[in-house]
Full PDB file with SEQRES, HELIX, SHEET, SSBOND, CRYST1, ORIGX, SCALE, CONECT and MASTER records, all heavy atoms in Angstrom:
SEQRES   1 A   35  GLU LYS THR LYS ILE ARG LYS ARG LEU SER VAL LEU VAL          
SEQRES   2 A   35  SER SER GLY LYS LEU VAL ARG LYS GLY SER GLY THR TYR          
SEQRES   3 A   35  ALA LEU SER ASP LYS PRO VAL PHE ARG                          
HELIX    1 AA1 LYS A    2  SER A   15  1                                  14    
SHEET    1 AA1 2 LEU A  18  GLY A  22  0                                        
SHEET    2 AA1 2 THR A  25  LEU A  28 -1                                        
CRYST1    1.000    1.000    1.000  90.00  90.00  90.00 P 1           1          
ORIGX1      1.000000  0.000000  0.000000        0.00000                         
ORIGX2      0.000000  1.000000  0.000000        0.00000                         
ORIGX3      0.000000  0.000000  1.000000        0.00000                         
SCALE1      1.000000  0.000000  0.000000        0.00000                         
SCALE2      0.000000  1.000000  0.000000        0.00000                         
SCALE3      0.000000  0.000000  1.000000        0.00000                         
ATOM      1  N   GLU A   1      12.291   0.424 -13.342  1.00  0.00           N  
ATOM      2  CA  GLU A   1      11.612  -0.715 -12.725  1.00  0.00           C  
ATOM      3  C   GLU A   1      11.229  -0.325 -11.265  1.00  0.00           C  
ATOM      4  O   GLU A   1      10.134  -0.711 -10.814  1.00  0.00           O  
ATOM      5  CB  GLU A   1      12.527  -1.872 -12.662  1.00  0.00           C  
ATOM      6  CG  GLU A   1      12.765  -2.422 -14.071  1.00  0.00           C  
ATOM      7  CD  GLU A   1      13.820  -3.633 -14.095  1.00  0.00           C  
ATOM      8  OE1 GLU A   1      14.754  -3.467 -13.327  1.00  0.00           O  
ATOM      9  OE2 GLU A   1      13.645  -4.642 -14.746  1.00  0.00           O  
ATOM     10  N   LYS A   2      12.067   0.328 -10.509  1.00  0.00           N  
ATOM     11  CA  LYS A   2      11.757   0.756  -9.153  1.00  0.00           C  
ATOM     12  C   LYS A   2      10.560   1.815  -9.068  1.00  0.00           C  
ATOM     13  O   LYS A   2       9.710   1.710  -8.268  1.00  0.00           O  
ATOM     14  CB  LYS A   2      12.966   1.393  -8.458  1.00  0.00           C  
ATOM     15  CG  LYS A   2      14.117   0.428  -8.187  1.00  0.00           C  
ATOM     16  CD  LYS A   2      15.367   1.107  -7.556  1.00  0.00           C  
ATOM     17  CE  LYS A   2      16.392   0.193  -7.249  1.00  0.00           C  
ATOM     18  NZ  LYS A   2      17.576   0.852  -6.723  1.00  0.00           N  
ATOM     19  N   THR A   3      10.443   2.547 -10.086  1.00  0.00           N  
ATOM     20  CA  THR A   3       9.380   3.479 -10.205  1.00  0.00           C  
ATOM     21  C   THR A   3       7.990   2.713 -10.280  1.00  0.00           C  
ATOM     22  O   THR A   3       6.957   2.998  -9.672  1.00  0.00           O  
ATOM     23  CB  THR A   3       9.440   4.516 -11.293  1.00  0.00           C  
ATOM     24  OG1 THR A   3      10.551   5.300 -11.157  1.00  0.00           O  
ATOM     25  CG2 THR A   3       8.224   5.337 -11.387  1.00  0.00           C  
ATOM     26  N   LYS A   4       8.093   1.607 -11.147  1.00  0.00           N  
ATOM     27  CA  LYS A   4       6.842   0.761 -11.310  1.00  0.00           C  
ATOM     28  C   LYS A   4       6.530   0.114  -9.948  1.00  0.00           C  
ATOM     29  O   LYS A   4       5.326  -0.070  -9.743  1.00  0.00           O  
ATOM     30  CB  LYS A   4       7.129  -0.235 -12.461  1.00  0.00           C  
ATOM     31  CG  LYS A   4       7.135   0.411 -13.807  1.00  0.00           C  
ATOM     32  CD  LYS A   4       7.473  -0.647 -14.880  1.00  0.00           C  
ATOM     33  CE  LYS A   4       7.561  -0.096 -16.251  1.00  0.00           C  
ATOM     34  NZ  LYS A   4       7.854  -1.124 -17.262  1.00  0.00           N  
ATOM     35  N   ILE A   5       7.438  -0.455  -9.239  1.00  0.00           N  
ATOM     36  CA  ILE A   5       7.166  -1.075  -7.937  1.00  0.00           C  
ATOM     37  C   ILE A   5       6.604  -0.036  -7.027  1.00  0.00           C  
ATOM     38  O   ILE A   5       5.529  -0.424  -6.303  1.00  0.00           O  
ATOM     39  CB  ILE A   5       8.529  -1.571  -7.317  1.00  0.00           C  
ATOM     40  CG1 ILE A   5       8.993  -2.694  -8.273  1.00  0.00           C  
ATOM     41  CG2 ILE A   5       8.247  -2.158  -5.964  1.00  0.00           C  
ATOM     42  CD1 ILE A   5       8.124  -3.920  -8.483  1.00  0.00           C  
ATOM     43  N   ARG A   6       7.021   1.208  -6.932  1.00  0.00           N  
ATOM     44  CA  ARG A   6       6.504   2.089  -6.132  1.00  0.00           C  
ATOM     45  C   ARG A   6       5.033   2.523  -6.433  1.00  0.00           C  
ATOM     46  O   ARG A   6       4.138   2.683  -5.500  1.00  0.00           O  
ATOM     47  CB  ARG A   6       7.309   3.424  -6.025  1.00  0.00           C  
ATOM     48  CG  ARG A   6       8.639   3.274  -5.356  1.00  0.00           C  
ATOM     49  CD  ARG A   6       9.328   4.685  -5.085  1.00  0.00           C  
ATOM     50  NE  ARG A   6       9.656   5.364  -6.247  1.00  0.00           N  
ATOM     51  CZ  ARG A   6      10.761   5.277  -6.956  1.00  0.00           C  
ATOM     52  NH1 ARG A   6      11.684   4.429  -6.521  1.00  0.00           N  
ATOM     53  NH2 ARG A   6      11.022   5.971  -8.068  1.00  0.00           N  
ATOM     54  N   LYS A   7       4.799   2.469  -7.754  1.00  0.00           N  
ATOM     55  CA  LYS A   7       3.379   2.636  -8.245  1.00  0.00           C  
ATOM     56  C   LYS A   7       2.467   1.459  -7.859  1.00  0.00           C  
ATOM     57  O   LYS A   7       1.267   1.817  -7.333  1.00  0.00           O  
ATOM     58  CB  LYS A   7       3.326   2.864  -9.700  1.00  0.00           C  
ATOM     59  CG  LYS A   7       3.899   4.185 -10.241  1.00  0.00           C  
ATOM     60  CD  LYS A   7       3.781   4.383 -11.652  1.00  0.00           C  
ATOM     61  CE  LYS A   7       4.302   5.683 -12.212  1.00  0.00           C  
ATOM     62  NZ  LYS A   7       4.305   5.801 -13.725  1.00  0.00           N  
ATOM     63  N   ARG A   8       2.962   0.346  -7.891  1.00  0.00           N  
ATOM     64  CA  ARG A   8       2.086  -0.879  -7.490  1.00  0.00           C  
ATOM     65  C   ARG A   8       1.879  -0.813  -5.940  1.00  0.00           C  
ATOM     66  O   ARG A   8       0.845  -1.219  -5.448  1.00  0.00           O  
ATOM     67  CB  ARG A   8       2.866  -2.102  -7.875  1.00  0.00           C  
ATOM     68  CG  ARG A   8       3.010  -2.387  -9.372  1.00  0.00           C  
ATOM     69  CD  ARG A   8       1.784  -2.087 -10.152  1.00  0.00           C  
ATOM     70  NE  ARG A   8       0.654  -2.862  -9.563  1.00  0.00           N  
ATOM     71  CZ  ARG A   8      -0.689  -2.537  -9.957  1.00  0.00           C  
ATOM     72  NH1 ARG A   8      -0.900  -1.599 -10.820  1.00  0.00           N  
ATOM     73  NH2 ARG A   8      -1.715  -3.181  -9.494  1.00  0.00           N  
ATOM     74  N   LEU A   9       2.873  -0.410  -5.151  1.00  0.00           N  
ATOM     75  CA  LEU A   9       2.677  -0.258  -3.766  1.00  0.00           C  
ATOM     76  C   LEU A   9       1.642   0.705  -3.439  1.00  0.00           C  
ATOM     77  O   LEU A   9       0.728   0.570  -2.522  1.00  0.00           O  
ATOM     78  CB  LEU A   9       4.023   0.120  -3.024  1.00  0.00           C  
ATOM     79  CG  LEU A   9       5.054  -1.056  -2.967  1.00  0.00           C  
ATOM     80  CD1 LEU A   9       6.473  -0.334  -2.553  1.00  0.00           C  
ATOM     81  CD2 LEU A   9       4.546  -2.027  -1.874  1.00  0.00           C  
ATOM     82  N   SER A  10       1.637   1.852  -4.186  1.00  0.00           N  
ATOM     83  CA  SER A  10       0.511   2.890  -3.942  1.00  0.00           C  
ATOM     84  C   SER A  10      -0.745   2.339  -4.351  1.00  0.00           C  
ATOM     85  O   SER A  10      -1.796   2.639  -3.621  1.00  0.00           O  
ATOM     86  CB  SER A  10       0.921   4.106  -4.864  1.00  0.00           C  
ATOM     87  OG  SER A  10       2.036   4.788  -4.441  1.00  0.00           O  
ATOM     88  N   VAL A  11      -0.937   1.569  -5.406  1.00  0.00           N  
ATOM     89  CA  VAL A  11      -2.177   0.926  -5.777  1.00  0.00           C  
ATOM     90  C   VAL A  11      -2.679  -0.010  -4.660  1.00  0.00           C  
ATOM     91  O   VAL A  11      -3.738  -0.112  -4.318  1.00  0.00           O  
ATOM     92  CB  VAL A  11      -2.050   0.168  -7.096  1.00  0.00           C  
ATOM     93  CG1 VAL A  11      -3.289  -0.677  -7.310  1.00  0.00           C  
ATOM     94  CG2 VAL A  11      -1.824   1.222  -8.189  1.00  0.00           C  
ATOM     95  N   LEU A  12      -1.772  -0.806  -4.121  1.00  0.00           N  
ATOM     96  CA  LEU A  12      -2.092  -1.764  -3.003  1.00  0.00           C  
ATOM     97  C   LEU A  12      -2.499  -0.980  -1.785  1.00  0.00           C  
ATOM     98  O   LEU A  12      -3.388  -1.491  -1.102  1.00  0.00           O  
ATOM     99  CB  LEU A  12      -0.888  -2.636  -2.751  1.00  0.00           C  
ATOM    100  CG  LEU A  12      -0.500  -3.682  -3.832  1.00  0.00           C  
ATOM    101  CD1 LEU A  12       0.776  -4.303  -3.539  1.00  0.00           C  
ATOM    102  CD2 LEU A  12      -1.574  -4.730  -3.973  1.00  0.00           C  
ATOM    103  N   VAL A  13      -1.971   0.104  -1.518  1.00  0.00           N  
ATOM    104  CA  VAL A  13      -2.381   0.909  -0.307  1.00  0.00           C  
ATOM    105  C   VAL A  13      -3.780   1.500  -0.642  1.00  0.00           C  
ATOM    106  O   VAL A  13      -4.635   1.436   0.251  1.00  0.00           O  
ATOM    107  CB  VAL A  13      -1.338   2.074  -0.099  1.00  0.00           C  
ATOM    108  CG1 VAL A  13      -1.977   3.001   0.971  1.00  0.00           C  
ATOM    109  CG2 VAL A  13      -0.135   1.493   0.513  1.00  0.00           C  
ATOM    110  N   SER A  14      -3.981   2.022  -1.787  1.00  0.00           N  
ATOM    111  CA  SER A  14      -5.243   2.556  -2.133  1.00  0.00           C  
ATOM    112  C   SER A  14      -6.384   1.669  -2.034  1.00  0.00           C  
ATOM    113  O   SER A  14      -7.482   1.957  -1.715  1.00  0.00           O  
ATOM    114  CB  SER A  14      -5.179   3.197  -3.543  1.00  0.00           C  
ATOM    115  OG  SER A  14      -4.307   4.345  -3.588  1.00  0.00           O  
ATOM    116  N   SER A  15      -6.080   0.381  -2.487  1.00  0.00           N  
ATOM    117  CA  SER A  15      -7.111  -0.692  -2.503  1.00  0.00           C  
ATOM    118  C   SER A  15      -7.336  -1.251  -1.132  1.00  0.00           C  
ATOM    119  O   SER A  15      -8.185  -2.090  -0.997  1.00  0.00           O  
ATOM    120  CB  SER A  15      -6.697  -1.806  -3.393  1.00  0.00           C  
ATOM    121  OG  SER A  15      -5.553  -2.430  -3.010  1.00  0.00           O  
ATOM    122  N   GLY A  16      -6.561  -0.944  -0.123  1.00  0.00           N  
ATOM    123  CA  GLY A  16      -6.600  -1.307   1.240  1.00  0.00           C  
ATOM    124  C   GLY A  16      -5.941  -2.730   1.468  1.00  0.00           C  
ATOM    125  O   GLY A  16      -6.071  -3.246   2.655  1.00  0.00           O  
ATOM    126  N   LYS A  17      -5.146  -3.207   0.500  1.00  0.00           N  
ATOM    127  CA  LYS A  17      -4.503  -4.583   0.750  1.00  0.00           C  
ATOM    128  C   LYS A  17      -3.256  -4.230   1.679  1.00  0.00           C  
ATOM    129  O   LYS A  17      -2.885  -5.250   2.384  1.00  0.00           O  
ATOM    130  CB  LYS A  17      -4.152  -5.125  -0.533  1.00  0.00           C  
ATOM    131  CG  LYS A  17      -5.312  -5.583  -1.303  1.00  0.00           C  
ATOM    132  CD  LYS A  17      -5.046  -6.329  -2.604  1.00  0.00           C  
ATOM    133  CE  LYS A  17      -6.106  -6.920  -3.298  1.00  0.00           C  
ATOM    134  NZ  LYS A  17      -7.005  -5.896  -3.782  1.00  0.00           N  
ATOM    135  N   LEU A  18      -2.591  -3.054   1.490  1.00  0.00           N  
ATOM    136  CA  LEU A  18      -1.426  -2.705   2.342  1.00  0.00           C  
ATOM    137  C   LEU A  18      -1.753  -1.428   3.072  1.00  0.00           C  
ATOM    138  O   LEU A  18      -2.533  -0.690   2.575  1.00  0.00           O  
ATOM    139  CB  LEU A  18      -0.286  -2.558   1.431  1.00  0.00           C  
ATOM    140  CG  LEU A  18       0.483  -3.845   0.822  1.00  0.00           C  
ATOM    141  CD1 LEU A  18       1.622  -3.409   0.002  1.00  0.00           C  
ATOM    142  CD2 LEU A  18       0.827  -4.810   1.824  1.00  0.00           C  
ATOM    143  N   VAL A  19      -1.069  -1.193   4.157  1.00  0.00           N  
ATOM    144  CA  VAL A  19      -1.074   0.095   4.760  1.00  0.00           C  
ATOM    145  C   VAL A  19       0.359   0.547   4.921  1.00  0.00           C  
ATOM    146  O   VAL A  19       1.287  -0.210   5.029  1.00  0.00           O  
ATOM    147  CB  VAL A  19      -1.739   0.054   6.229  1.00  0.00           C  
ATOM    148  CG1 VAL A  19      -3.175  -0.316   6.037  1.00  0.00           C  
ATOM    149  CG2 VAL A  19      -0.996  -1.030   7.005  1.00  0.00           C  
ATOM    150  N   ARG A  20       0.479   1.927   4.975  1.00  0.00           N  
ATOM    151  CA  ARG A  20       1.776   2.585   5.222  1.00  0.00           C  
ATOM    152  C   ARG A  20       2.154   2.631   6.642  1.00  0.00           C  
ATOM    153  O   ARG A  20       1.316   3.147   7.417  1.00  0.00           O  
ATOM    154  CB  ARG A  20       1.875   3.848   4.526  1.00  0.00           C  
ATOM    155  CG  ARG A  20       1.959   3.901   3.097  1.00  0.00           C  
ATOM    156  CD  ARG A  20       2.283   5.359   2.567  1.00  0.00           C  
ATOM    157  NE  ARG A  20       2.474   5.414   1.090  1.00  0.00           N  
ATOM    158  CZ  ARG A  20       1.577   5.527   0.252  1.00  0.00           C  
ATOM    159  NH1 ARG A  20       0.290   5.651   0.624  1.00  0.00           N  
ATOM    160  NH2 ARG A  20       1.778   5.552  -0.999  1.00  0.00           N  
ATOM    161  N   LYS A  21       3.246   2.039   7.087  1.00  0.00           N  
ATOM    162  CA  LYS A  21       3.643   2.052   8.424  1.00  0.00           C  
ATOM    163  C   LYS A  21       4.710   3.079   8.803  1.00  0.00           C  
ATOM    164  O   LYS A  21       4.940   3.467   9.878  1.00  0.00           O  
ATOM    165  CB  LYS A  21       4.187   0.745   8.888  1.00  0.00           C  
ATOM    166  CG  LYS A  21       3.328  -0.537   8.583  1.00  0.00           C  
ATOM    167  CD  LYS A  21       2.079  -0.413   9.477  1.00  0.00           C  
ATOM    168  CE  LYS A  21       2.278  -0.671  10.954  1.00  0.00           C  
ATOM    169  NZ  LYS A  21       1.071  -0.695  11.700  1.00  0.00           N  
ATOM    170  N   GLY A  22       5.207   3.700   7.727  1.00  0.00           N  
ATOM    171  CA  GLY A  22       6.179   4.765   7.881  1.00  0.00           C  
ATOM    172  C   GLY A  22       6.719   5.132   6.575  1.00  0.00           C  
ATOM    173  O   GLY A  22       6.231   4.528   5.566  1.00  0.00           O  
ATOM    174  N   SER A  23       7.752   5.975   6.401  1.00  0.00           N  
ATOM    175  CA  SER A  23       8.317   6.284   5.152  1.00  0.00           C  
ATOM    176  C   SER A  23       8.964   5.103   4.441  1.00  0.00           C  
ATOM    177  O   SER A  23       9.959   4.511   4.979  1.00  0.00           O  
ATOM    178  CB  SER A  23       9.308   7.446   5.261  1.00  0.00           C  
ATOM    179  OG  SER A  23       9.956   7.717   4.083  1.00  0.00           O  
ATOM    180  N   GLY A  24       8.419   4.594   3.363  1.00  0.00           N  
ATOM    181  CA  GLY A  24       8.988   3.511   2.612  1.00  0.00           C  
ATOM    182  C   GLY A  24       8.794   2.128   3.331  1.00  0.00           C  
ATOM    183  O   GLY A  24       9.512   1.215   3.030  1.00  0.00           O  
ATOM    184  N   THR A  25       7.823   2.031   4.234  1.00  0.00           N  
ATOM    185  CA  THR A  25       7.550   0.774   4.947  1.00  0.00           C  
ATOM    186  C   THR A  25       6.074   0.475   4.906  1.00  0.00           C  
ATOM    187  O   THR A  25       5.185   1.319   5.090  1.00  0.00           O  
ATOM    188  CB  THR A  25       7.992   0.898   6.426  1.00  0.00           C  
ATOM    189  OG1 THR A  25       9.328   1.275   6.457  1.00  0.00           O  
ATOM    190  CG2 THR A  25       7.884  -0.423   7.085  1.00  0.00           C  
ATOM    191  N   TYR A  26       5.739  -0.785   4.625  1.00  0.00           N  
ATOM    192  CA  TYR A  26       4.364  -1.290   4.394  1.00  0.00           C  
ATOM    193  C   TYR A  26       4.071  -2.494   5.138  1.00  0.00           C  
ATOM    194  O   TYR A  26       5.015  -3.247   5.582  1.00  0.00           O  
ATOM    195  CB  TYR A  26       4.168  -1.505   2.923  1.00  0.00           C  
ATOM    196  CG  TYR A  26       4.413  -0.324   1.957  1.00  0.00           C  
ATOM    197  CD1 TYR A  26       5.772  -0.063   1.555  1.00  0.00           C  
ATOM    198  CD2 TYR A  26       3.527   0.586   1.598  1.00  0.00           C  
ATOM    199  CE1 TYR A  26       6.018   1.038   0.808  1.00  0.00           C  
ATOM    200  CE2 TYR A  26       3.704   1.719   0.803  1.00  0.00           C  
ATOM    201  CZ  TYR A  26       5.065   1.932   0.386  1.00  0.00           C  
ATOM    202  OH  TYR A  26       5.365   3.000  -0.378  1.00  0.00           O  
ATOM    203  N   ALA A  27       2.803  -2.716   5.315  1.00  0.00           N  
ATOM    204  CA  ALA A  27       2.396  -3.917   6.020  1.00  0.00           C  
ATOM    205  C   ALA A  27       0.950  -4.300   5.547  1.00  0.00           C  
ATOM    206  O   ALA A  27       0.312  -3.580   4.946  1.00  0.00           O  
ATOM    207  CB  ALA A  27       2.290  -3.763   7.579  1.00  0.00           C  
ATOM    208  N   LEU A  28       0.549  -5.645   5.774  1.00  0.00           N  
ATOM    209  CA  LEU A  28      -0.580  -6.043   5.398  1.00  0.00           C  
ATOM    210  C   LEU A  28      -1.734  -5.312   6.147  1.00  0.00           C  
ATOM    211  O   LEU A  28      -1.555  -5.094   7.365  1.00  0.00           O  
ATOM    212  CB  LEU A  28      -0.848  -7.579   5.565  1.00  0.00           C  
ATOM    213  CG  LEU A  28      -0.171  -8.599   4.587  1.00  0.00           C  
ATOM    214  CD1 LEU A  28      -0.387  -9.939   4.963  1.00  0.00           C  
ATOM    215  CD2 LEU A  28      -0.754  -8.278   3.201  1.00  0.00           C  
ATOM    216  N   SER A  29      -2.825  -5.024   5.612  1.00  0.00           N  
ATOM    217  CA  SER A  29      -3.950  -4.383   6.284  1.00  0.00           C  
ATOM    218  C   SER A  29      -4.954  -5.415   6.976  1.00  0.00           C  
ATOM    219  O   SER A  29      -5.193  -6.346   6.148  1.00  0.00           O  
ATOM    220  CB  SER A  29      -4.592  -3.412   5.343  1.00  0.00           C  
ATOM    221  OG  SER A  29      -5.838  -2.924   5.947  1.00  0.00           O  
ATOM    222  N   ASP A  30      -5.292  -5.243   8.096  1.00  0.00           N  
ATOM    223  CA  ASP A  30      -6.246  -6.164   8.632  1.00  0.00           C  
ATOM    224  C   ASP A  30      -7.665  -5.517   8.807  1.00  0.00           C  
ATOM    225  O   ASP A  30      -8.542  -6.006   9.475  1.00  0.00           O  
ATOM    226  CB  ASP A  30      -5.771  -6.595  10.110  1.00  0.00           C  
ATOM    227  CG  ASP A  30      -5.538  -5.409  11.025  1.00  0.00           C  
ATOM    228  OD1 ASP A  30      -5.673  -4.295  10.535  1.00  0.00           O  
ATOM    229  OD2 ASP A  30      -5.272  -5.791  12.156  1.00  0.00           O  
ATOM    230  N   LYS A  31      -7.781  -4.369   8.114  1.00  0.00           N  
ATOM    231  CA  LYS A  31      -8.981  -3.508   8.183  1.00  0.00           C  
ATOM    232  C   LYS A  31      -9.499  -3.208   6.692  1.00  0.00           C  
ATOM    233  O   LYS A  31      -8.574  -3.004   5.987  1.00  0.00           O  
ATOM    234  CB  LYS A  31      -8.943  -2.312   8.991  1.00  0.00           C  
ATOM    235  CG  LYS A  31      -8.479  -2.600  10.485  1.00  0.00           C  
ATOM    236  CD  LYS A  31      -8.357  -1.215  11.221  1.00  0.00           C  
ATOM    237  CE  LYS A  31      -7.730  -1.492  12.617  1.00  0.00           C  
ATOM    238  NZ  LYS A  31      -7.456  -0.231  13.341  1.00  0.00           N  
ATOM    239  N   PRO A  32     -10.733  -3.118   6.539  1.00  0.00           N  
ATOM    240  CA  PRO A  32     -11.242  -2.806   5.119  1.00  0.00           C  
ATOM    241  C   PRO A  32     -11.141  -1.323   4.911  1.00  0.00           C  
ATOM    242  O   PRO A  32     -11.153  -0.582   5.782  1.00  0.00           O  
ATOM    243  CB  PRO A  32     -12.708  -3.182   5.210  1.00  0.00           C  
ATOM    244  CG  PRO A  32     -13.054  -3.059   6.661  1.00  0.00           C  
ATOM    245  CD  PRO A  32     -11.843  -3.345   7.485  1.00  0.00           C  
ATOM    246  N   VAL A  33     -10.985  -0.978   3.598  1.00  0.00           N  
ATOM    247  CA  VAL A  33     -11.066   0.449   3.188  1.00  0.00           C  
ATOM    248  C   VAL A  33     -12.596   0.817   3.248  1.00  0.00           C  
ATOM    249  O   VAL A  33     -13.469   0.032   2.932  1.00  0.00           O  
ATOM    250  CB  VAL A  33     -10.549   0.628   1.731  1.00  0.00           C  
ATOM    251  CG1 VAL A  33     -10.818   1.898   1.286  1.00  0.00           C  
ATOM    252  CG2 VAL A  33      -9.040   0.354   1.881  1.00  0.00           C  
ATOM    253  N   PHE A  34     -12.815   2.087   3.501  1.00  0.00           N  
ATOM    254  CA  PHE A  34     -14.194   2.648   3.581  1.00  0.00           C  
ATOM    255  C   PHE A  34     -14.707   2.791   2.093  1.00  0.00           C  
ATOM    256  O   PHE A  34     -14.238   3.589   1.330  1.00  0.00           O  
ATOM    257  CB  PHE A  34     -14.157   4.061   4.327  1.00  0.00           C  
ATOM    258  CG  PHE A  34     -15.549   4.773   4.352  1.00  0.00           C  
ATOM    259  CD1 PHE A  34     -16.462   4.339   5.386  1.00  0.00           C  
ATOM    260  CD2 PHE A  34     -15.816   5.750   3.602  1.00  0.00           C  
ATOM    261  CE1 PHE A  34     -17.589   4.986   5.419  1.00  0.00           C  
ATOM    262  CE2 PHE A  34     -16.904   6.410   3.604  1.00  0.00           C  
ATOM    263  CZ  PHE A  34     -17.947   6.049   4.583  1.00  0.00           C  
ATOM    264  N   ARG A  35     -15.602   1.799   1.726  1.00  0.00           N  
ATOM    265  CA  ARG A  35     -16.260   1.923   0.499  1.00  0.00           C  
ATOM    266  C   ARG A  35     -17.761   1.538   0.583  1.00  0.00           C  
ATOM    267  O   ARG A  35     -18.208   0.484   0.363  1.00  0.00           O  
ATOM    268  CB  ARG A  35     -15.541   0.822  -0.487  1.00  0.00           C  
ATOM    269  CG  ARG A  35     -14.155   1.287  -0.938  1.00  0.00           C  
ATOM    270  CD  ARG A  35     -13.592   0.317  -1.952  1.00  0.00           C  
ATOM    271  NE  ARG A  35     -14.368   0.299  -3.194  1.00  0.00           N  
ATOM    272  CZ  ARG A  35     -14.241   1.260  -4.131  1.00  0.00           C  
ATOM    273  NH1 ARG A  35     -13.426   2.259  -3.984  1.00  0.00           N  
ATOM    274  NH2 ARG A  35     -15.001   1.184  -5.294  1.00  0.00           N  
TER     275      ARG A  35                                                      
MASTER        0    0    0    1    2    0    0    6  274    1    0    3          
END                                                                             
């Protein structure tokens, strides 16, 4: 289950909804992804 959560976090980062703030730490993104 934890592996699935990490995959969803990666998807949210790739889509620009979250940004990585450090190892294992995330935050909402206030900027768009370049598309």
